[in-house]
Amino acid sequence: MAARLGGLLGPLRRAVLRATRNAEGLPDLPEAQIELLRALSSSPEGLSPGAAAARLRVAPSTVSNVVRAMAAERLVERVRPEHDQRTVVLTASGEAQELLQRYDRASTTALAQVVEGLPDADRLALDRALPALDRLVAALEAVDGAGAGPPAR
């Protein structure tokens, strides 16, 4: 079961992203950029690059590369706090927050349409699986949190 679930996660994530982009004509943002936007949007005060890397469980150099590309597109802003000009805080631009909301609406719509077309038994099975999937995510995060820092990518 673990192998089948693991084999489905990547294709499922990519299929939802493709359906979302196609349905709404959204830009082809890499998944890493979407994940960073989610992290920044959930932290209104912003995050330091190190805190963003820790939250996403990626290497700081990965965040630097993603931020560089996103700053060029005006999706991420680098702000120097008045109290400490040596540090940088990353925030999602207004345009990025709007884009993320569009992605979320489009993915919800795409999933709802596809799920609605499934047989009743499949919809019921998916609905019943959601609490277990929530617990699975929490358990995986707990195991990952016990490790020694972010993985190198």
Foldseek 3Di string as FASTA:
>chain_A
DVVVVVVVPVVVVVVLQVQLCVVPVADPDDPVLLLLQVVQVVPVVAAFLVRSCQVVLEDSVVSVVSVVVCVVVVQKDWDQDPVGNVTTGIHGDPVNVVSSVSSVVSSVVSVVVVLVPDDPVVVVVVVVCVVVVVVVVVVVVVVVVVDDGGDYD
